[in-house]
Amino acid sequence: MSDQDQEHPGKRYPQPEFPQQDQPHPGATDDMEPRPDHGERSYQGHNLLENRHSVITGGDSGIGRAVALAFAREGADVLFSYLPEEEEDAQETVRLVEEAGRRAVPMACDIRDEADCRALVDRAVDAFGSIDVLVNNAAFQMAQSQGLEDITTEQFDRVMRTNLYAMFWLCKMSLPHISEGGSIINTTSVQAYKPSPHLLDYATTKGAIVTFTQGLAGNLAERGIRVNAVAPGPVWTPLIPATLPDTSKFGEQSPLGRPAQPAEMAPAYVFLASQQAGYVTAEILNATGGTPLP
């Protein structure tokens, strides 16, 4: 990283208040103010993932783009999924990965659909021959001010299928193609431990991801496949202005007083994917800006 590492961590990036910015879901990076930092100018690789083959869901923007960029600069090829309406963001991720000298394979699909998950895995195997690292990152949320009473069955189903069903399908479908030494990394959240009433359905899925991660880690330990998760706190991504009614104070509840930038999440995924974490499995790596979690 840059010499910014010596700064007070709470002052490294913009503080709330952010200008109000309403975006239709799924949101667009170029329309955000301030623009998120994915590590474009700061992330420096050290060949920790040289010649590895990775699959990242939701790699077009936010945490997914930051992880794709970091993986590429660490020497990994990257296949990533994105929604068809996220094409512009997806092409920027392609540019960043290829600029790092690695292969980028974008795939527009809807991971709520089991057939699309199967197609995603098949594409990865066709492109790379195997999968070394699977990152289940894509997620959906939609804030409802009245909590349970305002959550429709349609919304509940979308949250469950995006956040849980897709993870289940992709882990199961990828498993025959992940060999000894491989890694699965899931994205959970501070919401798993400190659920916000207006994100009840989303928080529910994030709690389930913790349980799934720890159980699957035990299941796959004998096969030499590690399974871990990252639990971010508030992170400034396109999902935020697209799903929250007011972004002006976003992240100020963190002890550091601001939301994280996607670039600050990527090193956690690199560590868990690398052999430096060879004795780490069933772990939830908390990156919450100081919010204590169990």
Protein backbone atom coordinates (compact mmCIF):
# COMPACT_ATOMS: atom_id res chain seq x y z
CA MET A 1 0.00 0.00 0.00
CA SER A 2 1.02 3.66 -0.15
CA ASP A 3 2.43 5.94 2.52
CA GLN A 4 -1.19 6.65 3.49
CA ASP A 5 -0.77 3.61 5.75
CA GLN A 6 0.77 5.93 8.34
CA GLU A 7 -2.35 8.11 8.57
CA HIS A 8 -5.06 7.87 11.18
CA PRO A 9 -7.29 5.11 9.72
CA GLY A 10 -10.43 7.10 10.40
CA LYS A 11 -9.17 10.04 8.34
CA ARG A 12 -7.84 8.22 5.30
CA TYR A 13 -11.04 8.50 3.28
CA PRO A 14 -14.03 10.89 3.11
CA GLN A 15 -16.20 11.23 6.18
CA PRO A 16 -19.97 11.44 6.28
CA GLU A 17 -21.90 13.56 5.39
CA PHE A 18 -22.09 12.33 1.80
CA PRO A 19 -24.37 14.16 -0.62
CA GLN A 20 -27.77 12.54 -1.06
CA GLN A 21 -27.70 10.30 -4.13
CA ASP A 22 -30.59 8.13 -5.15
CA GLN A 23 -29.80 5.44 -7.68
CA PRO A 24 -31.92 2.66 -9.15
CA HIS A 25 -30.72 -0.82 -8.25
CA PRO A 26 -28.08 -2.11 -8.85
CA GLY A 27 -26.39 1.30 -8.89
CA ALA A 28 -23.39 2.50 -10.90
CA THR A 29 -19.89 3.34 -9.72
CA ASP A 30 -19.51 6.41 -11.93
CA ASP A 31 -22.63 7.99 -10.40
CA MET A 32 -21.35 7.78 -6.82
CA GLU A 33 -20.03 10.75 -4.85
CA PRO A 34 -17.40 10.29 -3.58
CA ARG A 35 -16.22 7.67 -6.04
CA PRO A 36 -15.22 4.41 -4.32
CA ASP A 37 -11.57 3.42 -4.11
CA HIS A 38 -10.93 -0.15 -5.32
CA GLY A 39 -7.17 0.06 -4.91
CA GLU A 40 -6.55 1.27 -8.46
CA ARG A 41 -3.60 3.42 -7.38
CA SER A 42 -2.66 1.80 -4.09
CA TYR A 43 -2.80 -2.00 -4.21
CA GLN A 44 0.61 -3.61 -4.81
CA GLY A 45 0.82 -7.33 -5.45
CA HIS A 46 3.47 -9.72 -4.17
CA ASN A 47 2.75 -12.86 -6.25
CA LEU A 48 0.73 -14.43 -3.45
CA LEU A 49 -1.73 -16.01 -5.93
CA GLU A 50 0.54 -16.61 -8.89
CA ASN A 51 -1.16 -18.59 -11.68
CA ARG A 52 -4.23 -19.32 -9.55
CA HIS A 53 -7.68 -19.46 -11.11
CA SER A 54 -10.39 -17.51 -9.29
CA VAL A 55 -14.15 -17.10 -9.56
CA ILE A 56 -15.75 -14.03 -7.98
CA THR A 57 -19.47 -13.28 -7.95
CA GLY A 58 -20.44 -9.63 -8.19
CA GLY A 59 -17.03 -8.68 -9.52
CA ASP A 60 -18.18 -5.68 -11.51
CA SER A 61 -18.06 -3.14 -8.67
CA GLY A 62 -17.58 -2.60 -4.95
CA ILE A 63 -15.83 -5.29 -2.93
CA GLY A 64 -15.97 -7.69 -5.88
CA ARG A 65 -14.04 -5.32 -8.15
CA ALA A 66 -11.48 -4.59 -5.44
CA VAL A 67 -10.94 -8.32 -4.90
CA ALA A 68 -10.65 -8.96 -8.65
CA LEU A 69 -8.06 -6.20 -8.98
CA ALA A 70 -6.06 -7.44 -5.98
CA PHE A 71 -6.19 -11.07 -7.11
CA ALA A 72 -4.96 -10.07 -10.56
CA ARG A 73 -2.07 -8.04 -9.14
CA GLU A 74 -1.21 -11.06 -7.01
CA GLY A 75 -0.97 -13.16 -10.18
CA ALA A 76 -4.41 -14.80 -10.46
CA ASP A 77 -6.72 -15.07 -13.44
CA VAL A 78 -10.26 -13.88 -12.71
CA LEU A 79 -13.68 -14.98 -13.90
CA PHE A 80 -16.44 -12.86 -12.42
CA SER A 81 -20.21 -12.65 -12.63
CA TYR A 82 -22.32 -9.53 -12.99
CA LEU A 83 -25.88 -8.61 -13.85
CA PRO A 84 -26.52 -7.66 -17.50
CA GLU A 85 -27.42 -4.09 -16.49
CA GLU A 86 -23.95 -3.73 -14.90
CA GLU A 87 -22.08 -4.02 -18.21
CA GLU A 88 -20.30 -0.66 -17.96
CA ASP A 89 -18.94 -1.42 -14.50
CA ALA A 90 -18.00 -4.94 -15.60
CA GLN A 91 -15.87 -3.64 -18.47
CA GLU A 92 -13.90 -1.48 -16.05
CA THR A 93 -13.11 -4.55 -13.95
CA VAL A 94 -11.96 -6.32 -17.12
CA ARG A 95 -9.68 -3.40 -17.90
CA LEU A 96 -8.12 -3.44 -14.43
CA VAL A 97 -7.50 -7.20 -14.45
CA GLU A 98 -5.99 -7.16 -17.94
CA GLU A 99 -3.89 -4.12 -17.08
CA ALA A 100 -2.38 -6.28 -14.33
CA GLY A 101 -1.39 -8.82 -16.99
CA ARG A 102 -3.93 -11.49 -16.05
CA ARG A 103 -6.86 -13.03 -17.88
CA ALA A 104 -10.32 -11.56 -17.22
CA VAL A 105 -13.44 -13.57 -18.07
CA PRO A 106 -16.65 -11.60 -17.43
CA MET A 107 -19.97 -13.40 -17.42
CA ALA A 108 -23.35 -11.70 -17.33
CA CYS A 109 -25.81 -13.90 -15.45
CA ASP A 110 -28.33 -13.97 -12.64
CA ILE A 111 -27.05 -16.18 -9.84
CA ARG A 112 -30.58 -16.45 -8.40
CA ASP A 113 -31.07 -19.03 -11.14
CA GLU A 114 -29.55 -22.48 -10.59
CA ALA A 115 -28.94 -22.93 -14.31
CA ASP A 116 -26.98 -19.67 -14.44
CA CYS A 117 -24.83 -20.86 -11.54
CA ARG A 118 -24.14 -24.07 -13.42
CA ALA A 119 -23.24 -22.08 -16.53
CA LEU A 120 -20.89 -19.90 -14.48
CA VAL A 121 -18.98 -22.90 -13.14
CA ASP A 122 -18.87 -24.53 -16.58
CA ARG A 123 -17.48 -21.32 -18.07
CA ALA A 124 -14.75 -21.22 -15.41
CA VAL A 125 -13.77 -24.82 -16.08
CA ASP A 126 -13.75 -24.23 -19.83
CA ALA A 127 -11.61 -21.12 -19.41
CA PHE A 128 -9.19 -22.29 -16.72
CA GLY A 129 -9.50 -26.06 -16.41
CA SER A 130 -9.94 -25.81 -12.63
CA ILE A 131 -10.99 -23.47 -9.84
CA ASP A 132 -8.48 -22.60 -7.12
CA VAL A 133 -10.42 -19.87 -5.32
CA LEU A 134 -14.18 -19.34 -5.19
CA VAL A 135 -15.37 -16.02 -3.74
CA ASN A 136 -19.12 -15.83 -3.05
CA ASN A 137 -19.46 -12.07 -2.84
CA ALA A 138 -22.59 -10.96 -4.72
CA ALA A 139 -25.49 -9.92 -2.49
CA PHE A 140 -28.80 -8.10 -2.54
CA GLN A 141 -30.43 -5.94 0.11
CA MET A 142 -33.28 -3.43 0.16
CA ALA A 143 -33.92 -1.35 3.26
CA GLN A 144 -37.48 -1.30 4.63
CA SER A 145 -38.13 1.35 7.25
CA GLN A 146 -40.86 -0.64 9.01
CA GLY A 147 -38.84 -3.83 9.05
CA LEU A 148 -40.73 -7.11 8.85
CA GLU A 149 -44.09 -5.56 7.98
CA ASP A 150 -42.70 -3.97 4.81
CA ILE A 151 -40.73 -6.97 3.53
CA THR A 152 -42.66 -8.62 0.72
CA THR A 153 -42.41 -12.29 -0.16
CA GLU A 154 -40.91 -11.24 -3.49
CA GLN A 155 -38.14 -9.28 -1.77
CA PHE A 156 -37.51 -12.02 0.79
CA ASP A 157 -37.18 -14.57 -2.00
CA ARG A 158 -34.76 -12.36 -3.94
CA VAL A 159 -32.54 -11.80 -0.90
CA MET A 160 -32.51 -15.50 -0.03
CA ARG A 161 -31.79 -16.69 -3.55
CA THR A 162 -29.06 -14.12 -4.19
CA ASN A 163 -27.30 -14.40 -0.85
CA LEU A 164 -27.86 -18.04 0.14
CA TYR A 165 -29.09 -20.24 -2.69
CA ALA A 166 -26.38 -19.00 -5.07
CA MET A 167 -23.66 -19.64 -2.49
CA PHE A 168 -24.99 -23.16 -1.91
CA TRP A 169 -25.22 -23.93 -5.62
CA LEU A 170 -21.82 -22.48 -6.51
CA CYS A 171 -20.01 -24.25 -3.68
CA LYS A 172 -21.62 -27.57 -4.57
CA MET A 173 -21.07 -27.19 -8.31
CA SER A 174 -17.50 -25.92 -7.98
CA LEU A 175 -16.38 -28.59 -5.53
CA PRO A 176 -15.49 -31.26 -8.13
CA HIS A 177 -13.16 -28.70 -9.75
CA ILE A 178 -11.42 -27.46 -6.57
CA SER A 179 -8.42 -29.57 -5.69
CA GLU A 180 -6.39 -29.92 -2.52
CA GLY A 181 -5.08 -26.53 -1.44
CA GLY A 182 -8.09 -24.70 -2.82
CA SER A 183 -10.05 -22.03 -1.01
CA ILE A 184 -13.66 -20.89 -0.69
CA ILE A 185 -14.30 -17.40 0.71
CA ASN A 186 -17.80 -16.16 1.50
CA THR A 187 -18.87 -12.60 2.27
CA THR A 188 -20.93 -12.23 5.41
CA SER A 189 -21.39 -8.94 7.31
CA VAL A 190 -21.46 -7.13 10.62
CA GLN A 191 -25.22 -7.54 10.11
CA ALA A 192 -24.84 -11.23 10.97
CA TYR A 193 -24.08 -10.24 14.56
CA LYS A 194 -25.69 -6.81 14.93
CA PRO A 195 -28.77 -6.89 12.68
CA SER A 196 -30.46 -3.64 11.70
CA PRO A 197 -34.28 -3.88 11.78
CA HIS A 198 -34.58 -2.22 8.36
CA LEU A 199 -32.32 -4.92 6.87
CA LEU A 200 -33.88 -7.90 8.62
CA ASP A 201 -33.97 -10.27 5.65
CA TYR A 202 -30.44 -9.34 4.55
CA ALA A 203 -29.08 -9.75 8.08
CA THR A 204 -30.74 -13.15 8.31
CA THR A 205 -28.85 -14.38 5.26
CA LYS A 206 -25.57 -13.04 6.57
CA GLY A 207 -26.03 -14.97 9.81
CA ALA A 208 -26.71 -18.09 7.78
CA ILE A 209 -23.52 -17.53 5.78
CA VAL A 210 -21.50 -17.64 9.01
CA THR A 211 -23.03 -20.99 9.93
CA PHE A 212 -22.66 -22.37 6.40
CA THR A 213 -19.01 -21.30 6.25
CA GLN A 214 -18.06 -22.94 9.53
CA GLY A 215 -19.97 -26.13 8.78
CA LEU A 216 -18.58 -26.47 5.25
CA ALA A 217 -15.06 -25.88 6.55
CA GLY A 218 -15.41 -28.94 8.77
CA ASN A 219 -16.87 -30.90 5.89
CA LEU A 220 -13.95 -30.13 3.54
CA ALA A 221 -11.00 -30.09 5.95
CA GLU A 222 -9.93 -33.66 5.14
CA ARG A 223 -9.90 -32.77 1.46
CA GLY A 224 -7.49 -29.90 2.08
CA ILE A 225 -9.96 -27.22 0.98
CA ARG A 226 -10.20 -24.24 3.30
CA VAL A 227 -13.47 -22.34 3.80
CA ASN A 228 -13.56 -18.91 5.42
CA ALA A 229 -15.56 -15.70 5.32
CA VAL A 230 -15.02 -11.97 5.57
CA ALA A 231 -17.45 -9.91 7.66
CA PRO A 232 -17.28 -6.28 6.48
CA GLY A 233 -18.80 -3.39 8.32
CA PRO A 234 -20.27 -0.52 6.26
CA VAL A 235 -18.55 -0.34 2.86
CA TRP A 236 -19.10 2.39 0.26
CA THR A 237 -20.35 0.47 -2.82
CA PRO A 238 -23.06 1.08 -5.45
CA LEU A 239 -25.43 -1.14 -3.45
CA ILE A 240 -25.62 1.55 -0.75
CA PRO A 241 -27.16 4.51 -2.64
CA ALA A 242 -29.28 2.02 -4.61
CA THR A 243 -30.88 0.39 -1.56
CA LEU A 244 -30.76 2.83 1.37
CA PRO A 245 -33.03 5.89 1.54
CA ASP A 246 -30.41 8.17 3.13
CA THR A 247 -26.67 7.84 2.58
CA SER A 248 -25.59 11.13 4.16
CA LYS A 249 -24.61 9.55 7.48
CA PHE A 250 -23.58 6.18 6.09
CA GLY A 251 -20.81 4.57 8.11
CA GLU A 252 -20.64 7.11 10.92
CA GLN A 253 -21.72 4.44 13.43
CA SER A 254 -18.37 2.72 12.96
CA PRO A 255 -15.89 3.48 15.76
CA LEU A 256 -13.60 4.85 13.01
CA GLY A 257 -16.41 7.23 12.07
CA ARG A 258 -16.63 6.43 8.36
CA PRO A 259 -17.47 3.62 5.94
CA ALA A 260 -14.72 1.45 4.53
CA GLN A 261 -13.70 1.69 0.92
CA PRO A 262 -13.67 -1.53 -1.16
CA ALA A 263 -9.87 -1.31 -1.34
CA GLU A 264 -9.71 -1.82 2.41
CA MET A 265 -11.54 -5.15 2.16
CA ALA A 266 -9.48 -6.74 -0.62
CA PRO A 267 -6.38 -7.64 1.47
CA ALA A 268 -8.53 -9.83 3.73
CA TYR A 269 -9.63 -11.90 0.74
CA VAL A 270 -6.07 -12.11 -0.59
CA PHE A 271 -4.83 -13.38 2.76
CA LEU A 272 -7.54 -16.03 3.04
CA ALA A 273 -6.95 -17.17 -0.55
CA SER A 274 -3.19 -17.41 -0.17
CA GLN A 275 -1.02 -20.10 1.33
CA GLN A 276 -0.10 -17.63 4.05
CA ALA A 277 -3.47 -18.63 5.51
CA GLY A 278 -2.75 -22.32 5.12
CA TYR A 279 -3.76 -23.11 8.71
CA VAL A 280 -6.82 -20.85 8.65
CA THR A 281 -10.21 -22.43 8.01
CA ALA A 282 -13.70 -22.00 9.51
CA GLU A 283 -12.64 -18.43 10.31
CA ILE A 284 -14.74 -15.27 10.06
CA LEU A 285 -12.36 -12.39 9.43
CA ASN A 286 -14.02 -9.26 10.82
CA ALA A 287 -13.31 -5.98 9.01
CA THR A 288 -15.79 -3.70 10.75
CA GLY A 289 -13.85 -0.54 11.52
CA GLY A 290 -13.78 -1.33 15.22
CA THR A 291 -17.26 -2.73 15.89
CA PRO A 292 -16.64 -5.72 18.21
CA LEU A 293 -18.08 -9.00 17.00
CA PRO A 294 -18.23 -12.41 18.73
